[in-house]
Amino acid sequence: MTDFWIYLKIGFEHVLNLNGYDHLLFLMALTVPYAAKDWKRLLLLVSLFTLGHTLSLFLAVLEIITVKPSIIEFLIPITICMAALFNIIRAGKPGKQDSITFVGAVTLFFGLIHGLGFSNYFNHLLPGEASDKMLPMLEFALGIEGAQICIVLLVLLIGFIFKTLFRFNQRDFVLIFSAFVLGVVVPLLLQNPIWEK
């Protein structure tokens, strides 16, 4: 049981580590279009994201798929930019919410990309046979899911504060928050070593 808490804590702290804030930025971009009343939809999206990166982490640990870390480090900020740009384009648009099938599929795909980024970290954390990594990997994934839910709740709280105390409407809140995410991630994308090749 002690190992369970160790890997759960490592997964939790890995997401909340401010030095690796790309995960935080993606979750912010994923959450910002929603309010607390949308909690079921958000829980589904966050769970799909977790499923995606757990699946790709699993496949990478078993060495079924391998992708150069430099490519993944380039693709991760692209996923964040795409999520933030989608928010900006959709902000304030009348009509029903975007299809959960479309948003869910994209979120799952983005989770696959982010999970490949976790695979290098996880393999350094726990060297050895792939079969010995399965249970720790699931415990690690549970920690990641817990941290993600905390981030989602924090973004929802910030949204509530901005909308009630500062009288922001939903459109303006989405635009400002998404622009902030873009402002942080675009320099990461432009400074990526892939441009030097």
N, C-alpha and C. Protein backbone atom coordinates (compact mmCIF):
# COMPACT_ATOMS: atom_id res chain seq x y z
N MET A 1 0.82 -1.20 0.00
CA MET A 1 0.00 0.00 0.00
C MET A 1 0.86 1.26 0.00
N THR A 2 2.06 1.15 0.56
CA THR A 2 2.96 2.30 0.60
C THR A 2 3.36 2.72 -0.81
N ASP A 3 3.66 1.73 -1.68
CA ASP A 3 4.01 2.04 -3.06
C ASP A 3 2.88 2.76 -3.77
N PHE A 4 1.64 2.37 -3.47
CA PHE A 4 0.49 3.03 -4.08
C PHE A 4 0.54 4.53 -3.81
N TRP A 5 0.74 4.91 -2.56
CA TRP A 5 0.76 6.33 -2.20
C TRP A 5 1.97 7.05 -2.78
N ILE A 6 3.08 6.33 -2.90
CA ILE A 6 4.28 6.95 -3.48
C ILE A 6 4.03 7.33 -4.93
N TYR A 7 3.53 6.39 -5.73
CA TYR A 7 3.32 6.68 -7.16
C TYR A 7 2.14 7.62 -7.38
N LEU A 8 1.12 7.51 -6.54
CA LEU A 8 0.01 8.45 -6.61
C LEU A 8 0.52 9.87 -6.38
N LYS A 9 1.35 10.03 -5.36
CA LYS A 9 1.92 11.34 -5.04
C LYS A 9 2.83 11.85 -6.16
N ILE A 10 3.63 10.97 -6.73
CA ILE A 10 4.51 11.38 -7.82
C ILE A 10 3.69 11.86 -9.02
N GLY A 11 2.63 11.14 -9.36
CA GLY A 11 1.75 11.56 -10.46
C GLY A 11 1.09 12.90 -10.17
N PHE A 12 0.63 13.06 -8.94
CA PHE A 12 -0.02 14.31 -8.52
C PHE A 12 0.95 15.48 -8.63
N GLU A 13 2.14 15.28 -8.08
CA GLU A 13 3.14 16.36 -8.08
C GLU A 13 3.70 16.64 -9.47
N HIS A 14 3.73 15.62 -10.32
CA HIS A 14 4.25 15.83 -11.67
C HIS A 14 3.38 16.83 -12.43
N VAL A 15 2.07 16.73 -12.27
CA VAL A 15 1.16 17.66 -12.94
C VAL A 15 1.25 19.05 -12.33
N LEU A 16 1.36 19.12 -11.02
CA LEU A 16 1.34 20.41 -10.33
C LEU A 16 2.72 21.08 -10.27
N ASN A 17 3.73 20.45 -10.84
CA ASN A 17 5.07 21.02 -10.88
C ASN A 17 5.07 22.25 -11.79
N LEU A 18 5.38 23.40 -11.24
CA LEU A 18 5.34 24.63 -12.03
C LEU A 18 6.44 24.70 -13.08
N ASN A 19 7.46 23.86 -12.96
CA ASN A 19 8.50 23.83 -14.00
C ASN A 19 8.02 23.14 -15.27
N GLY A 20 7.02 22.29 -15.14
CA GLY A 20 6.44 21.62 -16.30
C GLY A 20 5.01 22.09 -16.50
N TYR A 21 4.86 23.36 -16.72
CA TYR A 21 3.53 23.96 -16.70
C TYR A 21 2.72 23.75 -17.98
N ASP A 22 3.24 23.03 -18.95
CA ASP A 22 2.47 22.79 -20.17
C ASP A 22 1.19 22.02 -19.87
N HIS A 23 1.26 21.09 -18.93
CA HIS A 23 0.07 20.32 -18.55
C HIS A 23 -0.98 21.24 -17.92
N LEU A 24 -0.52 22.14 -17.07
CA LEU A 24 -1.43 23.10 -16.44
C LEU A 24 -2.10 23.97 -17.50
N LEU A 25 -1.32 24.43 -18.47
CA LEU A 25 -1.87 25.30 -19.51
C LEU A 25 -2.92 24.58 -20.34
N PHE A 26 -2.67 23.32 -20.68
CA PHE A 26 -3.66 22.59 -21.45
C PHE A 26 -4.96 22.44 -20.66
N LEU A 27 -4.84 22.08 -19.40
CA LEU A 27 -6.04 21.92 -18.58
C LEU A 27 -6.79 23.23 -18.40
N MET A 28 -6.06 24.33 -18.31
CA MET A 28 -6.71 25.64 -18.23
C MET A 28 -7.50 25.90 -19.51
N ALA A 29 -6.87 25.64 -20.66
CA ALA A 29 -7.55 25.86 -21.94
C ALA A 29 -8.75 24.92 -22.09
N LEU A 30 -8.64 23.71 -21.60
CA LEU A 30 -9.74 22.76 -21.68
C LEU A 30 -10.92 23.19 -20.81
N THR A 31 -10.64 23.76 -19.66
CA THR A 31 -11.66 24.07 -18.66
C THR A 31 -12.35 25.41 -18.86
N VAL A 32 -11.63 26.40 -19.33
CA VAL A 32 -12.12 27.79 -19.30
C VAL A 32 -13.46 28.02 -20.01
N PRO A 33 -13.85 27.27 -21.04
CA PRO A 33 -15.15 27.55 -21.65
C PRO A 33 -16.35 27.09 -20.81
N TYR A 34 -16.10 26.42 -19.71
CA TYR A 34 -17.17 25.80 -18.95
C TYR A 34 -17.38 26.48 -17.60
N ALA A 35 -18.56 26.23 -17.04
CA ALA A 35 -18.90 26.71 -15.70
C ALA A 35 -19.15 25.48 -14.82
N ALA A 36 -19.34 25.71 -13.54
CA ALA A 36 -19.54 24.60 -12.59
C ALA A 36 -20.72 23.72 -12.98
N LYS A 37 -21.73 24.30 -13.59
CA LYS A 37 -22.90 23.51 -14.00
C LYS A 37 -22.56 22.46 -15.06
N ASP A 38 -21.41 22.63 -15.71
CA ASP A 38 -20.96 21.70 -16.75
C ASP A 38 -20.02 20.63 -16.20
N TRP A 39 -20.08 20.38 -14.89
CA TRP A 39 -19.09 19.51 -14.25
C TRP A 39 -19.06 18.11 -14.84
N LYS A 40 -20.19 17.56 -15.27
CA LYS A 40 -20.19 16.20 -15.83
C LYS A 40 -19.42 16.17 -17.15
N ARG A 41 -19.65 17.17 -17.97
CA ARG A 41 -18.95 17.25 -19.26
C ARG A 41 -17.44 17.42 -19.02
N LEU A 42 -17.09 18.27 -18.07
CA LEU A 42 -15.68 18.50 -17.77
C LEU A 42 -15.02 17.24 -17.21
N LEU A 43 -15.71 16.55 -16.32
CA LEU A 43 -15.17 15.31 -15.77
C LEU A 43 -14.93 14.30 -16.88
N LEU A 44 -15.87 14.22 -17.83
CA LEU A 44 -15.70 13.32 -18.96
C LEU A 44 -14.48 13.72 -19.79
N LEU A 45 -14.33 15.01 -20.09
CA LEU A 45 -13.20 15.47 -20.90
C LEU A 45 -11.87 15.23 -20.20
N VAL A 46 -11.80 15.54 -18.92
CA VAL A 46 -10.56 15.31 -18.17
C VAL A 46 -10.25 13.82 -18.11
N SER A 47 -11.28 12.99 -17.95
CA SER A 47 -11.06 11.54 -17.91
C SER A 47 -10.61 11.02 -19.27
N LEU A 48 -11.15 11.58 -20.36
CA LEU A 48 -10.69 11.19 -21.70
C LEU A 48 -9.23 11.59 -21.91
N PHE A 49 -8.87 12.77 -21.41
CA PHE A 49 -7.48 13.22 -21.51
C PHE A 49 -6.57 12.26 -20.73
N THR A 50 -7.00 11.88 -19.53
CA THR A 50 -6.24 10.92 -18.71
C THR A 50 -6.15 9.57 -19.41
N LEU A 51 -7.26 9.12 -19.97
CA LEU A 51 -7.26 7.84 -20.69
C LEU A 51 -6.26 7.89 -21.84
N GLY A 52 -6.27 8.99 -22.59
CA GLY A 52 -5.34 9.13 -23.71
C GLY A 52 -3.90 9.07 -23.27
N HIS A 53 -3.55 9.84 -22.23
CA HIS A 53 -2.13 9.82 -21.88
C HIS A 53 -1.74 8.57 -21.11
N THR A 54 -2.68 7.91 -20.45
CA THR A 54 -2.36 6.63 -19.81
C THR A 54 -2.14 5.56 -20.87
N LEU A 55 -2.97 5.57 -21.91
CA LEU A 55 -2.82 4.60 -23.00
C LEU A 55 -1.48 4.78 -23.71
N SER A 56 -1.12 6.01 -24.05
CA SER A 56 0.15 6.20 -24.75
C SER A 56 1.34 5.94 -23.82
N LEU A 57 1.18 6.26 -22.54
CA LEU A 57 2.23 5.94 -21.57
C LEU A 57 2.43 4.42 -21.49
N PHE A 58 1.32 3.70 -21.43
CA PHE A 58 1.34 2.24 -21.39
C PHE A 58 2.04 1.68 -22.64
N LEU A 59 1.66 2.17 -23.82
CA LEU A 59 2.25 1.70 -25.07
C LEU A 59 3.74 2.04 -25.17
N ALA A 60 4.12 3.20 -24.65
CA ALA A 60 5.53 3.60 -24.68
C ALA A 60 6.35 2.78 -23.69
N VAL A 61 5.79 2.52 -22.51
CA VAL A 61 6.50 1.72 -21.50
C VAL A 61 6.73 0.30 -22.02
N LEU A 62 5.74 -0.24 -22.74
CA LEU A 62 5.89 -1.58 -23.33
C LEU A 62 6.71 -1.55 -24.61
N GLU A 63 7.15 -0.38 -25.01
CA GLU A 63 7.94 -0.16 -26.22
C GLU A 63 7.21 -0.60 -27.48
N ILE A 64 5.88 -0.47 -27.45
CA ILE A 64 5.07 -0.74 -28.64
C ILE A 64 5.15 0.45 -29.58
N ILE A 65 5.19 1.64 -29.01
CA ILE A 65 5.40 2.85 -29.81
C ILE A 65 6.57 3.63 -29.22
N THR A 66 7.32 4.23 -30.10
CA THR A 66 8.39 5.12 -29.67
C THR A 66 8.36 6.35 -30.58
N VAL A 67 8.47 7.48 -29.97
CA VAL A 67 8.50 8.75 -30.71
C VAL A 67 9.64 9.57 -30.12
N LYS A 68 10.36 10.24 -30.99
CA LYS A 68 11.46 11.08 -30.51
C LYS A 68 10.93 12.11 -29.52
N PRO A 69 11.59 12.28 -28.40
CA PRO A 69 11.16 13.29 -27.42
C PRO A 69 11.08 14.70 -28.02
N SER A 70 11.96 15.02 -28.96
CA SER A 70 11.94 16.37 -29.55
C SER A 70 10.64 16.62 -30.32
N ILE A 71 10.10 15.59 -30.94
CA ILE A 71 8.83 15.74 -31.67
C ILE A 71 7.69 15.95 -30.68
N ILE A 72 7.69 15.17 -29.61
CA ILE A 72 6.63 15.30 -28.59
C ILE A 72 6.71 16.68 -27.93
N GLU A 73 7.92 17.12 -27.62
CA GLU A 73 8.08 18.44 -27.00
C GLU A 73 7.65 19.56 -27.93
N PHE A 74 7.60 19.30 -29.21
CA PHE A 74 7.08 20.27 -30.18
C PHE A 74 5.55 20.17 -30.27
N LEU A 75 5.03 18.95 -30.25
CA LEU A 75 3.58 18.75 -30.42
C LEU A 75 2.78 19.19 -29.20
N ILE A 76 3.33 19.06 -28.01
CA ILE A 76 2.58 19.42 -26.80
C ILE A 76 2.17 20.89 -26.82
N PRO A 77 3.07 21.85 -27.08
CA PRO A 77 2.61 23.24 -27.14
C PRO A 77 1.63 23.50 -28.29
N ILE A 78 1.74 22.72 -29.36
CA ILE A 78 0.77 22.87 -30.46
C ILE A 78 -0.63 22.50 -29.98
N THR A 79 -0.74 21.42 -29.19
CA THR A 79 -2.06 21.03 -28.68
C THR A 79 -2.64 22.12 -27.78
N ILE A 80 -1.78 22.76 -27.01
CA ILE A 80 -2.24 23.83 -26.12
C ILE A 80 -2.70 25.03 -26.94
N CYS A 81 -1.92 25.39 -27.95
CA CYS A 81 -2.30 26.51 -28.84
C CYS A 81 -3.63 26.22 -29.53
N MET A 82 -3.79 25.00 -30.02
CA MET A 82 -5.04 24.65 -30.71
C MET A 82 -6.24 24.75 -29.77
N ALA A 83 -6.08 24.29 -28.54
CA ALA A 83 -7.19 24.36 -27.58
C ALA A 83 -7.53 25.82 -27.27
N ALA A 84 -6.52 26.65 -27.05
CA ALA A 84 -6.76 28.06 -26.74
C ALA A 84 -7.36 28.79 -27.94
N LEU A 85 -6.86 28.52 -29.13
CA LEU A 85 -7.41 29.15 -30.34
C LEU A 85 -8.86 28.72 -30.58
N PHE A 86 -9.15 27.46 -30.34
CA PHE A 86 -10.53 26.97 -30.46
C PHE A 86 -11.45 27.74 -29.52
N ASN A 87 -10.98 27.96 -28.29
CA ASN A 87 -11.77 28.74 -27.33
C ASN A 87 -12.02 30.16 -27.84
N ILE A 88 -10.98 30.79 -28.37
CA ILE A 88 -11.10 32.17 -28.85
C ILE A 88 -12.08 32.24 -30.02
N ILE A 89 -11.99 31.29 -30.93
CA ILE A 89 -12.89 31.28 -32.09
C ILE A 89 -14.33 31.03 -31.66
N ARG A 90 -14.53 30.15 -30.69
CA ARG A 90 -15.89 29.78 -30.26
C ARG A 90 -16.47 30.70 -29.20
N ALA A 91 -15.66 31.54 -28.58
CA ALA A 91 -16.14 32.39 -27.47
C ALA A 91 -17.30 33.27 -27.93
N GLY A 92 -18.37 33.22 -27.18
CA GLY A 92 -19.51 34.09 -27.44
C GLY A 92 -20.36 33.71 -28.63
N LYS A 93 -20.09 32.59 -29.26
CA LYS A 93 -20.89 32.16 -30.41
C LYS A 93 -22.23 31.66 -29.91
N PRO A 94 -23.31 32.13 -30.54
CA PRO A 94 -24.63 31.64 -30.13
C PRO A 94 -24.83 30.19 -30.59
N GLY A 95 -25.78 29.55 -29.98
CA GLY A 95 -26.08 28.18 -30.37
C GLY A 95 -25.66 27.19 -29.32
N LYS A 96 -25.93 25.93 -29.63
CA LYS A 96 -25.62 24.88 -28.65
C LYS A 96 -24.13 24.66 -28.53
N GLN A 97 -23.76 23.99 -27.44
CA GLN A 97 -22.34 23.70 -27.21
C GLN A 97 -21.83 22.77 -28.30
N ASP A 98 -20.52 22.81 -28.48
CA ASP A 98 -19.89 21.93 -29.46
C ASP A 98 -20.14 20.48 -29.09
N SER A 99 -20.20 19.65 -30.10
CA SER A 99 -20.45 18.23 -29.90
C SER A 99 -19.43 17.62 -28.94
N ILE A 100 -19.93 16.90 -27.95
CA ILE A 100 -19.04 16.24 -27.00
C ILE A 100 -18.22 15.18 -27.71
N THR A 101 -18.77 14.60 -28.78
CA THR A 101 -18.02 13.60 -29.54
C THR A 101 -16.77 14.22 -30.16
N PHE A 102 -16.92 15.37 -30.80
CA PHE A 102 -15.78 16.05 -31.42
C PHE A 102 -14.77 16.50 -30.37
N VAL A 103 -15.25 17.23 -29.37
CA VAL A 103 -14.35 17.76 -28.33
C VAL A 103 -13.71 16.61 -27.56
N GLY A 104 -14.48 15.56 -27.29
CA GLY A 104 -13.94 14.40 -26.58
C GLY A 104 -12.87 13.68 -27.38
N ALA A 105 -13.12 13.49 -28.69
CA ALA A 105 -12.13 12.81 -29.54
C ALA A 105 -10.83 13.61 -29.62
N VAL A 106 -10.95 14.92 -29.77
CA VAL A 106 -9.75 15.76 -29.84
C VAL A 106 -9.01 15.73 -28.50
N THR A 107 -9.75 15.78 -27.40
CA THR A 107 -9.14 15.73 -26.07
C THR A 107 -8.42 14.41 -25.85
N LEU A 108 -9.04 13.31 -26.27
CA LEU A 108 -8.40 12.00 -26.17
C LEU A 108 -7.11 11.96 -26.99
N PHE A 109 -7.16 12.48 -28.21
CA PHE A 109 -5.97 12.52 -29.08
C PHE A 109 -4.87 13.36 -28.45
N PHE A 110 -5.24 14.52 -27.91
CA PHE A 110 -4.25 15.38 -27.26
C PHE A 110 -3.66 14.68 -26.03
N GLY A 111 -4.49 13.89 -25.34
CA GLY A 111 -3.99 13.11 -24.21
C GLY A 111 -2.95 12.09 -24.64
N LEU A 112 -3.15 11.49 -25.81
CA LEU A 112 -2.16 10.55 -26.33
C LEU A 112 -0.81 11.24 -26.52
N ILE A 113 -0.83 12.45 -27.05
CA ILE A 113 0.42 13.20 -27.27
C ILE A 113 1.07 13.55 -25.94
N HIS A 114 0.29 14.07 -25.00
CA HIS A 114 0.84 14.45 -23.70
C HIS A 114 1.39 13.23 -22.95
N GLY A 115 0.74 12.08 -23.11
CA GLY A 115 1.21 10.86 -22.44
C GLY A 115 2.58 10.42 -22.92
N LEU A 116 2.85 10.65 -24.19
CA LEU A 116 4.18 10.31 -24.70
C LEU A 116 5.24 11.18 -24.04
N GLY A 117 4.86 12.40 -23.68
CA GLY A 117 5.78 13.26 -22.93
C GLY A 117 6.05 12.72 -21.54
N PHE A 118 5.03 12.12 -20.93
CA PHE A 118 5.19 11.51 -19.61
C PHE A 118 6.05 10.26 -19.67
N SER A 119 6.07 9.57 -20.81
CA SER A 119 6.75 8.27 -20.87
C SER A 119 8.24 8.38 -20.58
N ASN A 120 8.90 9.40 -21.09
CA ASN A 120 10.33 9.57 -20.79
C ASN A 120 10.55 9.78 -19.30
N TYR A 121 9.71 10.63 -18.71
CA TYR A 121 9.81 10.89 -17.27
C TYR A 121 9.59 9.59 -16.49
N PHE A 122 8.56 8.85 -16.86
CA PHE A 122 8.21 7.64 -16.13
C PHE A 122 9.29 6.57 -16.27
N ASN A 123 9.85 6.41 -17.46
CA ASN A 123 10.91 5.41 -17.66
C ASN A 123 12.17 5.76 -16.88
N HIS A 124 12.47 7.04 -16.72
CA HIS A 124 13.61 7.44 -15.88
C HIS A 124 13.30 7.22 -14.40
N LEU A 125 12.04 7.42 -14.05
CA LEU A 125 11.61 7.26 -12.66
C LEU A 125 11.69 5.80 -12.23
N LEU A 126 11.31 4.90 -13.12
CA LEU A 126 11.21 3.48 -12.77
C LEU A 126 11.85 2.62 -13.86
N PRO A 127 13.18 2.51 -13.85
CA PRO A 127 13.83 1.66 -14.86
C PRO A 127 13.54 0.19 -14.57
N GLY A 128 13.70 -0.64 -15.58
CA GLY A 128 13.50 -2.07 -15.38
C GLY A 128 12.56 -2.64 -16.42
N GLU A 129 12.05 -3.83 -16.12
CA GLU A 129 11.16 -4.54 -17.04
C GLU A 129 9.81 -3.85 -17.13
N ALA A 130 9.24 -3.89 -18.32
CA ALA A 130 7.94 -3.25 -18.55
C ALA A 130 6.85 -3.86 -17.66
N SER A 131 6.91 -5.18 -17.45
CA SER A 131 5.88 -5.84 -16.64
C SER A 131 5.89 -5.35 -15.19
N ASP A 132 7.04 -4.91 -14.71
CA ASP A 132 7.14 -4.40 -13.34
C ASP A 132 6.61 -2.97 -13.22
N LYS A 133 6.35 -2.33 -14.34
CA LYS A 133 5.94 -0.92 -14.33
C LYS A 133 4.42 -0.74 -14.42
N MET A 134 3.67 -1.80 -14.70
CA MET A 134 2.24 -1.65 -14.97
C MET A 134 1.47 -1.10 -13.78
N LEU A 135 1.61 -1.71 -12.62
CA LEU A 135 0.88 -1.24 -11.44
C LEU A 135 1.34 0.15 -11.03
N PRO A 136 2.65 0.41 -10.93
CA PRO A 136 3.07 1.78 -10.61
C PRO A 136 2.57 2.81 -11.63
N MET A 137 2.49 2.39 -12.91
CA MET A 137 2.01 3.32 -13.93
C MET A 137 0.54 3.68 -13.69
N LEU A 138 -0.28 2.70 -13.32
CA LEU A 138 -1.68 2.98 -13.02
C LEU A 138 -1.82 3.87 -11.79
N GLU A 139 -0.99 3.63 -10.79
CA GLU A 139 -1.00 4.47 -9.58
C GLU A 139 -0.58 5.90 -9.94
N PHE A 140 0.43 6.02 -10.77
CA PHE A 140 0.90 7.31 -11.27
C PHE A 140 -0.24 8.02 -12.02
N ALA A 141 -0.96 7.27 -12.87
CA ALA A 141 -2.08 7.84 -13.64
C ALA A 141 -3.20 8.32 -12.72
N LEU A 142 -3.45 7.60 -11.64
CA LEU A 142 -4.47 8.06 -10.67
C LEU A 142 -4.05 9.37 -10.02
N GLY A 143 -2.77 9.50 -9.72
CA GLY A 143 -2.27 10.76 -9.18
C GLY A 143 -2.43 11.90 -10.17
N ILE A 144 -2.16 11.62 -11.44
CA ILE A 144 -2.34 12.62 -12.49
C ILE A 144 -3.80 13.05 -12.57
N GLU A 145 -4.71 12.08 -12.55
CA GLU A 145 -6.14 12.39 -12.63
C GLU A 145 -6.57 13.25 -11.45
N GLY A 146 -6.10 12.91 -10.25
CA GLY A 146 -6.45 13.71 -9.07
C GLY A 146 -5.96 15.14 -9.19
N ALA A 147 -4.73 15.32 -9.66
CA ALA A 147 -4.18 16.67 -9.84
C ALA A 147 -4.95 17.43 -10.90
N GLN A 148 -5.33 16.74 -11.96
CA GLN A 148 -6.09 17.41 -13.02
C GLN A 148 -7.44 17.89 -12.51
N ILE A 149 -8.09 17.09 -11.71
CA ILE A 149 -9.38 17.50 -11.15
C ILE A 149 -9.20 18.72 -10.26
N CYS A 150 -8.12 18.77 -9.50
CA CYS A 150 -7.83 19.96 -8.67
C CYS A 150 -7.65 21.20 -9.54
N ILE A 151 -6.93 21.07 -10.65
CA ILE A 151 -6.72 22.21 -11.55
C ILE A 151 -8.04 22.67 -12.15
N VAL A 152 -8.86 21.72 -12.58
CA VAL A 152 -10.16 22.05 -13.15
C VAL A 152 -11.00 22.81 -12.13
N LEU A 153 -11.03 22.33 -10.90
CA LEU A 153 -11.80 23.00 -9.85
C LEU A 153 -11.27 24.41 -9.59
N LEU A 154 -9.96 24.58 -9.62
CA LEU A 154 -9.37 25.90 -9.42
C LEU A 154 -9.76 26.85 -10.56
N VAL A 155 -9.70 26.38 -11.80
CA VAL A 155 -10.09 27.23 -12.94
C VAL A 155 -11.57 27.58 -12.85
N LEU A 156 -12.41 26.63 -12.46
CA LEU A 156 -13.84 26.92 -12.28
C LEU A 156 -14.05 27.97 -11.19
N LEU A 157 -13.30 27.87 -10.11
CA LEU A 157 -13.40 28.85 -9.03
C LEU A 157 -12.96 30.23 -9.50
N ILE A 158 -11.85 30.29 -10.23
CA ILE A 158 -11.38 31.57 -10.77
C ILE A 158 -12.44 32.15 -11.71
N GLY A 159 -13.03 31.31 -12.54
CA GLY A 159 -14.10 31.76 -13.44
C GLY A 159 -15.28 32.31 -12.67
N PHE A 160 -15.67 31.62 -11.61
CA PHE A 160 -16.79 32.09 -10.78
C PHE A 160 -16.47 33.46 -10.18
N ILE A 161 -15.26 33.62 -9.67
CA ILE A 161 -14.86 34.90 -9.07
C ILE A 161 -14.88 36.01 -10.11
N PHE A 162 -14.29 35.76 -11.27
CA PHE A 162 -14.26 36.78 -12.32
C PHE A 162 -15.66 37.15 -12.79
N LYS A 163 -16.54 36.16 -12.88
CA LYS A 163 -17.89 36.42 -13.40
C LYS A 163 -18.81 37.05 -12.36
N THR A 164 -18.62 36.75 -11.10
CA THR A 164 -19.51 37.31 -10.08
C THR A 164 -18.96 38.59 -9.46
N LEU A 165 -17.72 38.57 -9.03
CA LEU A 165 -17.16 39.76 -8.36
C LEU A 165 -16.76 40.85 -9.34
N PHE A 166 -16.14 40.45 -10.45
CA PHE A 166 -15.64 41.44 -11.40
C PHE A 166 -16.58 41.65 -12.59
N ARG A 167 -17.70 40.94 -12.61
CA ARG A 167 -18.75 41.10 -13.61
C ARG A 167 -18.30 40.82 -15.05
N PHE A 168 -17.35 39.91 -15.21
CA PHE A 168 -16.97 39.48 -16.56
C PHE A 168 -18.08 38.60 -17.11
N ASN A 169 -18.39 38.75 -18.39
CA ASN A 169 -19.29 37.77 -18.98
C ASN A 169 -18.46 36.56 -19.43
N GLN A 170 -19.13 35.47 -19.75
CA GLN A 170 -18.44 34.23 -20.10
C GLN A 170 -17.52 34.44 -21.30
N ARG A 171 -17.98 35.16 -22.31
CA ARG A 171 -17.18 35.39 -23.51
C ARG A 171 -15.87 36.10 -23.18
N ASP A 172 -15.95 37.18 -22.41
CA ASP A 172 -14.74 37.93 -22.07
C ASP A 172 -13.77 37.09 -21.22
N PHE A 173 -14.32 36.32 -20.29
CA PHE A 173 -13.48 35.47 -19.46
C PHE A 173 -12.73 34.45 -20.31
N VAL A 174 -13.45 33.82 -21.24
CA VAL A 174 -12.82 32.83 -22.12
C VAL A 174 -11.74 33.48 -22.98
N LEU A 175 -12.04 34.66 -23.53
CA LEU A 175 -11.07 35.35 -24.38
C LEU A 175 -9.80 35.72 -23.60
N ILE A 176 -9.98 36.28 -22.42
CA ILE A 176 -8.82 36.73 -21.62
C ILE A 176 -7.98 35.54 -21.17
N PHE A 177 -8.63 34.53 -20.65
CA PHE A 177 -7.89 33.36 -20.15
C PHE A 177 -7.19 32.62 -21.28
N SER A 178 -7.88 32.47 -22.41
CA SER A 178 -7.28 31.78 -23.55
C SER A 178 -6.13 32.58 -24.14
N ALA A 179 -6.27 33.90 -24.17
CA ALA A 179 -5.17 34.76 -24.65
C ALA A 179 -3.97 34.64 -23.72
N PHE A 180 -4.22 34.56 -22.42
CA PHE A 180 -3.13 34.36 -21.46
C PHE A 180 -2.40 33.05 -21.75
N VAL A 181 -3.16 31.97 -21.96
CA VAL A 181 -2.56 30.67 -22.26
C VAL A 181 -1.72 30.76 -23.52
N LEU A 182 -2.26 31.40 -24.56
CA LEU A 182 -1.49 31.58 -25.80
C LEU A 182 -0.23 32.40 -25.56
N GLY A 183 -0.35 33.45 -24.76
CA GLY A 183 0.80 34.30 -24.48
C GLY A 183 1.93 33.57 -23.79
N VAL A 184 1.59 32.54 -23.03
CA VAL A 184 2.62 31.75 -22.34
C VAL A 184 3.17 30.67 -23.26
N VAL A 185 2.31 30.04 -24.05
CA VAL A 185 2.74 28.87 -24.81
C VAL A 185 3.39 29.20 -26.15
N VAL A 186 3.02 30.29 -26.78
CA VAL A 186 3.62 30.63 -28.09
C VAL A 186 5.14 30.80 -27.98
N PRO A 187 5.66 31.50 -26.97
CA PRO A 187 7.12 31.56 -26.85
C PRO A 187 7.76 30.17 -26.66
N LEU A 188 7.09 29.27 -25.94
CA LEU A 188 7.61 27.90 -25.80
C LEU A 188 7.71 27.23 -27.17
N LEU A 189 6.70 27.45 -27.97
CA LEU A 189 6.67 26.86 -29.30
C LEU A 189 7.77 27.44 -30.18
N LEU A 190 7.93 28.75 -30.13
CA LEU A 190 8.93 29.42 -30.96
C LEU A 190 10.35 29.11 -30.52
N GLN A 191 10.55 28.82 -29.25
CA GLN A 191 11.89 28.51 -28.73
C GLN A 191 12.22 27.02 -28.82
N ASN A 192 11.30 26.23 -29.35
CA ASN A 192 11.53 24.80 -29.43
C ASN A 192 12.73 24.50 -30.33
N PRO A 193 13.59 23.58 -29.89
CA PRO A 193 14.80 23.24 -30.67
C PRO A 193 14.51 22.70 -32.07
N ILE A 194 13.29 22.29 -32.34
CA ILE A 194 12.97 21.73 -33.65
C ILE A 194 13.19 22.75 -34.77
N TRP A 195 13.09 24.05 -34.45
CA TRP A 195 13.28 25.11 -35.45
C TRP A 195 14.74 25.26 -35.84
N GLU A 196 15.64 24.72 -35.04
CA GLU A 196 17.07 24.87 -35.31
C GLU A 196 17.60 23.86 -36.31
N LYS A 197 16.76 22.92 -36.71
CA LYS A 197 17.22 21.86 -37.61
C LYS A 197 17.02 22.24 -39.05
